Protein backbone atom coordinates (compact mmCIF):
# COMPACT_ATOMS: atom_id res chain seq x y z
CA MET A 1 -62.58 36.29 9.56
CA ILE A 2 -64.17 38.34 6.72
CA LEU A 3 -63.26 38.45 3.01
CA PRO A 4 -64.78 40.72 0.34
CA LEU A 5 -66.51 38.74 -2.39
CA ASP A 6 -64.35 40.38 -5.04
CA SER A 7 -61.09 39.20 -3.48
CA GLU A 8 -58.95 36.11 -4.08
CA VAL A 9 -60.77 33.41 -2.13
CA SER A 10 -59.34 29.93 -1.62
CA LEU A 11 -61.33 26.75 -1.18
CA GLU A 12 -59.94 26.39 2.34
CA ALA A 13 -61.08 29.89 3.36
CA GLY A 14 -64.34 30.34 1.45
CA GLY A 15 -65.55 26.81 0.69
CA GLY A 16 -66.45 25.62 -2.79
CA LYS A 17 -69.37 27.96 -3.34
CA GLY A 18 -67.52 31.01 -2.04
CA ALA A 19 -64.39 30.33 -4.10
CA ASN A 20 -66.45 29.90 -7.28
CA LEU A 21 -68.50 33.06 -6.71
CA ALA A 22 -65.38 35.11 -6.02
CA ARG A 23 -63.88 33.85 -9.26
CA LEU A 24 -67.02 34.91 -11.15
CA VAL A 25 -66.84 38.39 -9.61
CA ARG A 26 -63.18 38.81 -10.54
CA ALA A 27 -63.99 37.69 -14.11
CA GLY A 28 -66.56 40.49 -14.43
CA PHE A 29 -69.81 38.53 -14.21
CA CYS A 30 -72.86 40.09 -12.59
CA VAL A 31 -72.90 38.68 -9.04
CA PRO A 32 -74.77 40.36 -6.15
CA PRO A 33 -72.33 42.22 -3.86
CA GLY A 34 -71.46 40.69 -0.53
CA PHE A 35 -68.79 39.18 1.69
CA ILE A 36 -67.65 35.83 3.06
CA VAL A 37 -67.44 34.84 6.71
CA THR A 38 -64.49 32.48 6.37
CA THR A 39 -63.96 28.97 7.69
CA GLN A 40 -61.62 30.48 10.27
CA ALA A 41 -64.65 32.08 11.94
CA TYR A 42 -66.38 28.68 11.98
CA CYS A 43 -63.34 27.02 13.56
CA ASP A 44 -63.08 29.83 16.09
CA TYR A 45 -66.73 29.31 17.08
CA VAL A 46 -66.29 25.55 17.48
CA SER A 47 -63.04 25.69 19.42
CA GLY A 48 -64.05 28.73 21.49
CA ASN A 49 -67.10 26.84 22.74
CA GLN A 50 -65.08 23.63 23.25
CA MET A 51 -67.28 21.62 20.90
CA GLU A 52 -64.81 20.08 18.48
CA ASP A 53 -63.99 16.76 20.18
CA TRP A 54 -67.60 16.21 21.25
CA ILE A 55 -68.94 16.89 17.72
CA LEU A 56 -66.46 14.56 16.04
CA GLU A 57 -67.07 11.73 18.48
CA THR A 58 -70.84 12.15 18.32
CA ALA A 59 -70.82 12.07 14.50
CA ARG A 60 -68.31 9.22 14.32
CA VAL A 61 -70.35 6.75 16.37
CA ALA A 62 -73.59 7.36 14.45
CA LEU A 63 -74.46 4.48 12.11
CA ILE A 64 -75.19 5.78 8.62
CA GLU A 65 -77.50 2.79 7.98
CA ASP A 66 -79.71 3.94 10.86
CA SER A 67 -81.56 7.05 9.65
CA THR A 68 -83.12 7.65 13.07
CA ALA A 69 -79.71 7.64 14.73
CA ILE A 70 -78.34 10.07 12.14
CA ASP A 71 -81.30 12.42 12.65
CA THR A 72 -80.83 12.31 16.44
CA THR A 73 -77.10 13.00 16.09
CA SER A 74 -77.70 15.93 13.77
CA ALA A 75 -80.33 17.46 16.06
CA ALA A 76 -78.02 17.20 19.09
CA ILE A 77 -75.10 18.85 17.29
CA ARG A 78 -77.21 21.66 15.87
CA ALA A 79 -78.78 22.36 19.26
CA ARG A 80 -75.29 22.70 20.72
CA PHE A 81 -74.41 25.24 18.01
CA ALA A 82 -77.56 27.27 18.69
CA SER A 83 -76.81 27.52 22.41
CA ALA A 84 -73.12 28.47 22.05
CA THR A 85 -71.70 32.00 22.22
CA LEU A 86 -70.30 34.07 19.37
CA ARG A 87 -67.18 35.99 20.32
CA PRO A 88 -67.77 39.79 20.34
CA GLU A 89 -64.86 40.42 17.94
CA VAL A 90 -66.34 38.08 15.33
CA ALA A 91 -69.85 39.51 15.77
CA ASP A 92 -68.48 43.04 15.35
CA ALA A 93 -66.63 42.06 12.15
CA ILE A 94 -69.83 40.61 10.67
CA ARG A 95 -71.83 43.69 11.63
CA ALA A 96 -69.24 45.99 10.07
CA ALA A 97 -69.24 44.05 6.79
CA TYR A 98 -73.05 44.08 6.78
CA GLY A 99 -72.97 47.84 7.35
CA ALA A 100 -70.93 48.19 4.16
CA LEU A 101 -73.94 46.69 2.35
CA ASP A 102 -76.12 49.45 3.90
CA ARG A 103 -77.88 46.76 5.96
CA LEU A 104 -80.08 45.88 3.00
CA PRO A 105 -81.87 42.52 2.91
CA VAL A 106 -79.36 39.73 2.27
CA ALA A 107 -79.22 36.05 1.39
CA VAL A 108 -77.10 33.95 3.74
CA ARG A 109 -75.68 30.81 2.15
CA SER A 110 -73.53 27.98 3.43
CA SER A 111 -70.27 27.16 1.63
CA ALA A 112 -68.52 23.99 2.81
CA THR A 113 -64.95 23.07 1.90
CA THR A 114 -66.24 19.71 0.63
CA GLU A 115 -68.96 20.99 -1.73
CA ASP A 116 -69.19 22.25 -5.32
CA LEU A 117 -66.05 20.33 -6.28
CA PRO A 118 -65.43 18.60 -9.65
CA ASP A 119 -66.12 15.15 -8.14
CA LEU A 120 -68.31 15.96 -5.11
CA SER A 121 -71.42 18.11 -5.09
CA PHE A 122 -73.10 18.20 -1.64
CA ALA A 123 -75.85 20.18 -3.39
CA GLY A 124 -78.68 21.16 -1.06
CA GLN A 125 -77.18 19.61 2.06
CA GLN A 126 -76.46 22.85 3.92
CA ASP A 127 -78.78 25.72 4.76
CA THR A 128 -79.66 28.92 2.93
CA MET A 129 -81.63 31.77 4.52
CA LEU A 130 -83.24 34.35 2.24
CA ASN A 131 -84.27 37.96 2.87
CA VAL A 132 -82.43 38.29 6.17
CA ILE A 133 -82.81 41.80 7.63
CA GLY A 134 -80.98 43.32 10.60
CA ASP A 135 -77.85 42.58 12.65
CA ALA A 136 -79.46 40.13 15.07
CA ALA A 137 -81.14 38.11 12.32
CA LEU A 138 -77.90 37.99 10.35
CA LEU A 139 -75.86 36.67 13.30
CA ARG A 140 -78.47 33.96 13.93
CA ALA A 141 -78.43 33.02 10.26
CA VAL A 142 -74.63 32.71 10.25
CA VAL A 143 -74.70 30.33 13.23
CA GLN A 144 -77.50 28.32 11.61
CA CYS A 145 -75.41 27.97 8.46
CA TRP A 146 -72.44 26.78 10.52
CA SER A 147 -74.56 24.15 12.21
CA SER A 148 -75.89 22.93 8.86
CA LEU A 149 -72.49 21.35 8.21
CA TRP A 150 -73.96 18.68 10.49
CA THR A 151 -77.30 18.00 8.85
CA ALA A 152 -78.21 14.31 8.69
CA ARG A 153 -77.68 14.30 4.93
CA ALA A 154 -74.24 15.90 5.20
CA ILE A 155 -73.07 13.52 7.94
CA ALA A 156 -74.20 10.46 5.96
CA TYR A 157 -72.81 11.80 2.67
CA ARG A 158 -69.34 12.35 4.12
CA ALA A 159 -69.37 8.90 5.71
CA ARG A 160 -70.42 7.20 2.46
CA ASN A 161 -67.76 9.02 0.43
CA GLY A 162 -64.94 8.45 2.90
CA ILE A 163 -64.54 12.12 3.88
CA ALA A 164 -63.27 12.55 7.42
CA HIS A 165 -65.55 14.80 9.46
CA GLU A 166 -62.52 16.64 10.87
CA ASN A 167 -61.56 17.69 7.32
CA ALA A 168 -64.84 19.55 6.81
CA ALA A 169 -65.37 23.23 7.61
CA LEU A 170 -67.90 25.81 6.52
CA ALA A 171 -67.81 29.41 5.35
CA VAL A 172 -70.88 31.64 5.02
CA ILE A 173 -71.68 33.83 2.03
CA VAL A 174 -73.67 36.99 2.71
CA GLN A 175 -75.04 38.67 -0.44
CA GLN A 176 -77.47 41.43 -1.22
CA MET A 177 -80.87 39.97 -2.11
CA VAL A 178 -82.00 40.15 -5.73
CA ALA A 179 -85.68 41.06 -6.11
CA SER A 180 -86.04 38.54 -8.90
CA ASP A 181 -88.94 38.50 -11.32
CA VAL A 182 -87.77 35.11 -12.65
CA SER A 183 -85.13 32.73 -11.34
CA GLY A 184 -83.93 29.22 -11.88
CA VAL A 185 -81.11 26.85 -12.72
CA LEU A 186 -79.07 26.33 -15.85
CA PHE A 187 -77.00 23.35 -16.98
CA THR A 188 -74.39 24.10 -19.63
CA ALA A 189 -74.54 20.45 -20.76
CA ASN A 190 -77.67 18.35 -21.02
CA PRO A 191 -77.63 16.28 -17.80
CA LEU A 192 -79.98 13.67 -19.29
CA THR A 193 -78.19 13.01 -22.59
CA GLY A 194 -74.70 14.26 -21.79
CA LYS A 195 -74.64 16.51 -24.87
CA ARG A 196 -72.18 19.33 -24.28
CA SER A 197 -73.71 21.37 -27.11
CA GLU A 198 -77.06 21.73 -25.35
CA THR A 199 -77.92 24.03 -22.46
CA VAL A 200 -80.91 23.15 -20.29
CA ILE A 201 -82.70 25.98 -18.43
CA GLU A 202 -85.40 25.60 -15.80
CA ALA A 203 -87.19 28.76 -14.70
CA THR A 204 -89.99 29.89 -12.41
CA PHE A 205 -91.44 33.16 -11.15
CA GLY A 206 -90.19 34.72 -7.93
CA LEU A 207 -87.26 33.37 -5.91
CA GLY A 208 -85.49 30.24 -7.03
CA GLU A 209 -85.98 28.45 -3.71
CA ALA A 210 -89.31 27.07 -4.96
CA LEU A 211 -87.52 25.36 -7.83
CA VAL A 212 -84.39 24.02 -6.09
CA SER A 213 -86.52 22.64 -3.26
CA GLY A 214 -88.72 20.79 -5.76
CA ARG A 215 -91.96 22.54 -4.83
CA VAL A 216 -92.79 23.86 -8.28
CA GLU A 217 -92.93 22.50 -11.82
CA PRO A 218 -90.82 24.99 -13.80
CA ASP A 219 -90.66 25.97 -17.44
CA ARG A 220 -87.99 24.06 -19.32
CA TYR A 221 -85.91 25.26 -22.26
CA VAL A 222 -83.31 23.30 -24.22
CA VAL A 223 -80.96 25.47 -26.27
CA ASP A 224 -78.60 24.35 -29.02
CA VAL A 225 -75.83 26.82 -28.26
CA PRO A 226 -73.66 26.42 -31.40
CA ALA A 227 -76.74 26.79 -33.65
CA GLY A 228 -78.18 29.63 -31.56
CA ARG A 229 -81.70 28.26 -31.40
CA VAL A 230 -84.15 26.97 -28.82
CA LEU A 231 -84.81 23.28 -29.44
CA GLU A 232 -87.49 22.73 -26.82
CA ARG A 233 -89.91 24.86 -24.81
CA ARG A 234 -92.10 23.25 -22.18
CA ARG A 235 -94.27 25.29 -19.84
CA GLY A 236 -94.64 24.02 -16.29
CA ALA A 237 -97.56 24.60 -13.95
CA LYS A 238 -95.64 27.06 -11.75
CA ALA A 239 -98.51 26.79 -9.28
CA LEU A 240 -96.72 28.72 -6.55
CA SER A 241 -93.91 31.20 -6.07
CA ILE A 242 -91.75 32.19 -3.13
CA ARG A 243 -91.62 35.91 -2.41
CA ALA A 244 -89.80 38.13 0.07
CA ARG A 245 -91.65 39.58 3.07
CA ALA A 246 -91.17 43.25 3.83
CA GLU A 247 -90.24 42.45 7.45
CA GLY A 248 -87.82 39.68 6.47
CA GLY A 249 -88.09 36.04 5.51
CA THR A 250 -90.19 34.60 2.69
CA PHE A 251 -93.69 33.30 2.03
CA GLU A 252 -95.38 31.08 -0.54
CA ALA A 253 -97.89 32.67 -2.89
CA PRO A 254 -100.27 30.75 -5.17
CA GLU A 255 -99.79 31.45 -8.87
CA ASP A 256 -101.95 30.99 -11.95
CA ALA A 257 -98.95 30.92 -14.27
CA ALA A 258 -99.28 27.77 -16.36
CA GLY A 259 -100.14 29.84 -19.42
CA ARG A 260 -97.34 32.38 -18.96
CA ALA A 261 -93.79 31.81 -20.15
CA THR A 262 -90.99 32.80 -17.80
CA LEU A 263 -88.48 33.59 -20.57
CA THR A 264 -88.71 34.92 -24.09
CA GLU A 265 -86.69 33.17 -26.78
CA SER A 266 -84.13 35.98 -26.83
CA ALA A 267 -83.80 35.82 -23.04
CA ALA A 268 -83.27 32.04 -23.14
CA LEU A 269 -80.57 32.43 -25.80
CA ALA A 270 -78.87 35.22 -23.83
CA LEU A 271 -78.94 33.14 -20.66
CA ALA A 272 -77.51 30.10 -22.47
CA GLY A 273 -74.70 32.25 -23.85
CA LEU A 274 -73.98 33.54 -20.37
CA GLY A 275 -73.79 29.98 -19.10
CA GLN A 276 -71.29 29.02 -21.79
CA ARG A 277 -69.05 31.89 -20.76
CA VAL A 278 -69.12 30.57 -17.19
CA ALA A 279 -68.31 27.04 -18.39
CA THR A 280 -65.39 28.44 -20.39
CA LEU A 281 -64.09 30.25 -17.31
CA PHE A 282 -64.11 27.06 -15.22
CA ASP A 283 -63.19 24.81 -18.17
CA ALA A 284 -65.95 22.37 -17.23
CA PRO A 285 -69.75 22.06 -17.67
CA GLN A 286 -71.53 24.02 -14.93
CA ASP A 287 -74.72 23.87 -12.86
CA ILE A 288 -75.67 27.53 -12.34
CA GLU A 289 -78.29 29.26 -10.20
CA TRP A 290 -79.44 32.60 -11.60
CA ALA A 291 -81.98 35.35 -11.04
CA GLN A 292 -83.44 37.90 -13.45
CA ALA A 293 -84.39 41.35 -12.22
CA GLY A 294 -85.59 43.64 -14.99
CA GLU A 295 -83.47 42.86 -18.04
CA ARG A 296 -80.42 41.77 -16.08
CA PHE A 297 -79.29 38.27 -15.14
CA HIS A 298 -77.50 37.79 -11.82
CA LEU A 299 -75.41 34.70 -11.06
CA LEU A 300 -75.99 33.27 -7.59
CA GLN A 301 -73.96 30.09 -7.75
CA ALA A 302 -71.87 27.97 -10.11
CA ARG A 303 -70.73 24.41 -9.51
CA PRO A 304 -69.40 21.61 -11.74
CA ILE A 305 -71.91 19.10 -13.08
CA THR A 306 -70.65 15.92 -11.43
CA SER A 307 -73.10 13.50 -13.08
CA LEU A 308 -71.77 13.74 -16.66
CA PHE A 309 -69.73 10.88 -18.05
CA PRO A 310 -66.22 12.21 -18.77
CA LEU A 311 -65.03 12.68 -22.33
CA PRO A 312 -61.81 11.01 -23.51
CA ASP A 313 -58.77 13.24 -23.64
CA GLY A 314 -57.66 14.43 -27.04
CA LEU A 315 -61.03 14.51 -28.81
CA PRO A 316 -61.51 17.40 -31.26
CA ALA A 317 -63.80 19.99 -29.72
CA ASP A 318 -65.36 21.12 -33.01
CA GLU A 319 -66.62 17.87 -34.54
CA LEU A 320 -68.83 14.94 -33.68
CA ARG A 321 -67.02 11.65 -33.02
CA VAL A 322 -68.64 8.21 -32.76
CA LEU A 323 -67.07 5.96 -30.13
CA ILE A 324 -68.27 2.58 -28.91
CA SER A 325 -67.57 0.91 -25.59
CA VAL A 326 -65.33 -2.16 -25.77
CA GLY A 327 -66.65 -3.32 -22.42
CA ALA A 328 -70.24 -3.32 -23.67
CA PHE A 329 -69.43 -6.20 -26.03
CA GLN A 330 -68.62 -8.45 -23.09
CA GLY A 331 -71.03 -7.01 -20.56
CA MET A 332 -68.14 -5.33 -18.73
CA LEU A 333 -70.05 -2.24 -17.63
CA ASP A 334 -67.97 -1.47 -14.55
CA PRO A 335 -64.73 0.55 -14.69
CA ILE A 336 -61.64 -1.40 -15.75
CA THR A 337 -58.76 -1.64 -13.29
CA PRO A 338 -55.39 -0.10 -14.15
CA VAL A 339 -54.00 -3.61 -14.71
CA GLY A 340 -56.83 -4.31 -17.15
CA LEU A 341 -56.21 -1.05 -18.99
CA GLY A 342 -52.54 -1.98 -19.23
CA ALA A 343 -53.42 -5.33 -20.77
CA PHE A 344 -55.70 -3.70 -23.31
CA SER A 345 -53.01 -1.17 -24.18
CA VAL A 346 -50.89 -4.13 -25.37
CA ALA A 347 -53.63 -6.22 -26.97
CA LEU A 348 -55.55 -3.57 -28.90
CA PRO A 349 -52.59 -2.11 -30.81
CA ARG A 350 -51.76 -5.64 -31.98
CA ALA A 351 -55.31 -6.13 -33.19
CA ALA A 352 -55.15 -2.72 -34.85
CA ALA A 353 -51.93 -3.70 -36.58
CA TRP A 354 -53.76 -6.65 -38.14
CA VAL A 355 -56.59 -4.35 -39.25
CA GLY A 356 -54.00 -2.15 -40.99
CA GLY A 357 -53.95 1.52 -41.97
CA PRO A 358 -52.20 4.17 -39.86
CA LEU A 359 -53.03 2.19 -36.73
CA ALA A 360 -50.62 -0.50 -37.87
CA HIS A 361 -47.71 1.92 -37.71
CA GLY A 362 -48.61 3.74 -34.52
CA ARG A 363 -49.75 6.89 -36.31
CA ALA A 364 -53.12 6.85 -34.52
CA ARG A 365 -54.14 5.39 -31.19
CA PRO A 366 -56.64 2.56 -31.67
CA PHE A 367 -58.62 3.29 -28.52
CA LYS A 368 -59.43 6.01 -26.02
CA VAL A 369 -60.06 5.86 -22.29
CA ALA A 370 -62.79 7.71 -20.40
CA GLY A 371 -64.08 6.95 -16.93
CA ASN A 372 -61.72 3.94 -16.75
CA ARG A 373 -63.51 2.40 -19.72
CA ILE A 374 -62.17 1.74 -23.21
CA PHE A 375 -63.76 3.11 -26.38
CA LEU A 376 -63.07 2.51 -30.07
CA ASP A 377 -63.40 5.48 -32.45
CA LEU A 378 -65.56 4.42 -35.42
CA THR A 379 -65.87 7.89 -36.94
CA PRO A 380 -63.88 7.21 -40.16
CA MET A 381 -66.01 4.11 -40.86
CA VAL A 382 -69.45 5.58 -40.24
CA ARG A 383 -68.64 8.43 -42.61
CA ARG A 384 -68.77 5.99 -45.52
CA PRO A 385 -72.36 4.81 -46.22
CA ARG A 386 -71.38 1.31 -47.40
CA ILE A 387 -69.01 0.63 -44.52
CA ARG A 388 -71.43 2.28 -42.10
CA ALA A 389 -74.08 -0.25 -43.08
CA LEU A 390 -71.66 -3.11 -42.40
CA VAL A 391 -70.70 -1.66 -39.01
CA ARG A 392 -74.34 -1.18 -38.05
CA SER A 393 -75.21 -4.74 -39.06
CA ALA A 394 -72.30 -6.13 -37.07
CA LEU A 395 -73.23 -4.08 -34.01
CA ARG A 396 -76.85 -5.19 -34.14
CA ALA A 397 -75.67 -8.79 -34.02
CA ILE A 398 -72.87 -8.40 -31.49
CA GLU A 399 -74.29 -5.77 -29.15
CA PRO A 400 -77.85 -4.69 -30.07
CA ALA A 401 -78.05 -1.85 -27.55
CA THR A 402 -74.92 -0.25 -29.02
CA GLY A 403 -76.31 -0.75 -32.52
CA ASP A 404 -79.55 0.98 -31.53
CA ALA A 405 -77.61 3.87 -30.00
CA LEU A 406 -75.58 4.23 -33.19
CA ASP A 407 -78.78 4.26 -35.26
CA GLN A 408 -80.19 7.07 -33.07
CA THR A 409 -76.99 9.08 -33.34
CA LEU A 410 -76.77 8.76 -37.10
CA ALA A 411 -80.46 9.64 -37.45
CA GLU A 412 -79.75 12.97 -35.72
CA PHE A 413 -76.47 13.64 -37.48
CA THR A 414 -75.23 11.99 -40.66
CA PRO A 415 -71.51 12.70 -41.14
CA ALA A 416 -70.47 14.11 -44.47
CA PRO A 417 -69.39 11.34 -46.83
CA VAL A 418 -65.63 11.10 -47.35
CA GLU A 419 -63.68 9.19 -49.93
CA LEU A 420 -62.01 6.24 -48.24
CA ARG A 421 -58.38 5.63 -49.06
CA PRO A 422 -57.55 2.12 -50.25
CA TRP A 423 -56.08 1.14 -46.89
CA LEU A 424 -59.26 2.28 -45.11
CA ARG A 425 -61.42 0.13 -47.37
CA ALA A 426 -59.27 -2.89 -46.57
CA SER A 427 -59.02 -1.96 -42.90
CA SER A 428 -62.78 -1.63 -42.60
CA LEU A 429 -63.30 -5.10 -44.03
CA ARG A 430 -60.69 -6.49 -41.68
CA LEU A 431 -62.44 -4.82 -38.76
CA ILE A 432 -65.70 -6.48 -39.78
CA VAL A 433 -63.89 -9.81 -39.83
CA LEU A 434 -62.43 -9.05 -36.41
CA LEU A 435 -65.87 -8.17 -35.03
CA SER A 436 -67.30 -11.31 -36.56
CA ARG A 437 -64.66 -13.39 -34.82
CA ALA A 438 -65.54 -11.68 -31.56
CA LEU A 439 -69.19 -12.50 -32.23
CA GLY A 440 -68.30 -16.15 -32.78
CA ASN A 441 -66.36 -16.30 -29.54
CA MET A 442 -69.20 -14.74 -27.60
CA THR A 443 -72.03 -16.78 -29.08
CA TYR A 444 -70.41 -20.21 -29.36
CA LYS A 445 -68.14 -21.39 -26.54
CA PRO A 446 -67.71 -25.19 -26.56
CA ASP A 447 -66.30 -26.94 -23.55
CA LEU A 448 -62.64 -25.96 -23.40
CA ARG A 449 -61.48 -29.27 -22.02
CA ALA A 450 -63.08 -31.07 -24.98
CA ARG A 451 -61.39 -28.68 -27.39
CA ALA A 452 -58.05 -29.11 -25.70
CA ALA A 453 -58.37 -32.89 -25.96
CA THR A 454 -59.04 -32.83 -29.71
CA SER A 455 -56.86 -29.93 -30.80
CA PRO A 456 -53.07 -29.61 -30.55
CA ARG A 457 -53.39 -25.84 -30.35
CA PRO A 458 -54.29 -24.11 -27.07
CA ALA A 459 -57.91 -23.00 -26.85
CA CYS A 460 -58.68 -19.30 -26.57
CA VAL A 461 -61.95 -17.47 -25.98
CA ALA A 462 -62.79 -13.81 -25.56
CA ASP A 463 -63.93 -13.66 -21.94
C-alpha cells in the first residue's frame, strides 16, 4: 500500500506523477522527501466499500455534452467517497509513513495512472492539498485525492479521449512542504514557438498554487540554453501570493510586487540548466513545477509537454534544419493516412530522381515524416544566397504563409554559405522548375473533360 519516494515506482502503482518523481529522486535531483500511497490502496478503498460497479455505471451513463449532468455525477461519486470507511490497516500504514516524516507539514498530491504521459496530460484535473498537518487531516486529504479521480473534468476528459473509466486508478503522493520564497513552472521547450533551444520560466512569490491556478500574473523569463543567456524578462503584477498557515492550510495575501523580480539572471540560467538535465533524463521536453527556498531549487513535478509538434526522426540535434510542409501546398493541414504516406513514399523519390543529386541514387531520403505529415528538407538550398532567393520567391507565389515563415526563420538565423557542388546547382534549378509546375497545376485547372476530349494524353492535376 505504501512505497518510499526513492524506490522503483511503476506507472501502475504510483501513477504518472509518482513514477516521474521517483525517477527524479533516483537520478539525484532535489525532490522533497515523501512516500506514495499506491493505486492498490485506492482499489482496496473502492472495493472494500462496494463502490466499484456503482461508480462505473454512474459515470458511464453521464452525457459528456451535458455539463450539468457531469457536475451532478461527479458530486454524487465524491460524496460517496467522503462517507466511506478507510480500513484500519491502510490508515495505520499511512500514519506510520507520515511518522517517518516527523509529522511535518506535507503536500498531498493526486497521481492518476492516466496522467503525465507522453500523449495525455490530465494537468490540473485532480486535487492537491497543501500544508496538511496531523494524522486526521492527512487521512481526509488522501480520500479527497482518491475522489478527485472523478471530478467533472476528469470524467469528461477520459470519455473524450476514449479511456475506459475502469482502466483509471489513482495513487497519492505525500511530500514534505517546501517553504518556498519563489515558485513556478518551467518549460524546457518554448510552448508557443516550439523551439527546443529555449526554456520558458514563469515565477511568482510564495507557493506555486497561485500561478498554476491562474490567479496571478507571474514574471516570465525566456532563456536561450545553448547560448547561456536570458533573451526576455517580463515582470508580472504578482498582485497576490499564497502562503502557508501555521495551523495548516493556506491563505491568500495581497502583494505589491510588480516592481520586484522573482529571479536574478544567474538564478534563471541555473534553473534553465536544471530543466535541461531533467529533459535529458526523460529524453523529452518537460513541463516542470519547482520551488526555491533559500538558494536551492526543489522539483515538485515533471511531465512531458504534450502540445509540441513532434520532430522528424533522424534530424541532427546540433544544427538548424529548414523543412517545409508538403501538405501546406495543397491545403492538406490534417494528418495523412498511412495509405497516403505509402503513396508519397513512392511518388516523392521518383520526383527526387528527376531533380537529381544524391536523392536520385537513394543516398538521401527526399522527405521526412512528423506527426503523420510530410516535410521536405530545404536546408542545402537555403544555405546558398542565390538559390535561397529563388526558393523564397517560389514559396511566396505557391504558398505565401510558408514563404513568410521562411523569411522569419532566415531573419533570425542565416545559415553559413556553402559552396554548391555542380549537381546541387542543377538540382536546385530542377526543383524550382518542379515547384513552378506544381504552382501551375494549383493555379490553373481547366475542365478535365474538355482536356481529355482535345488531348490524346490522359489529363493529370495535383489534387
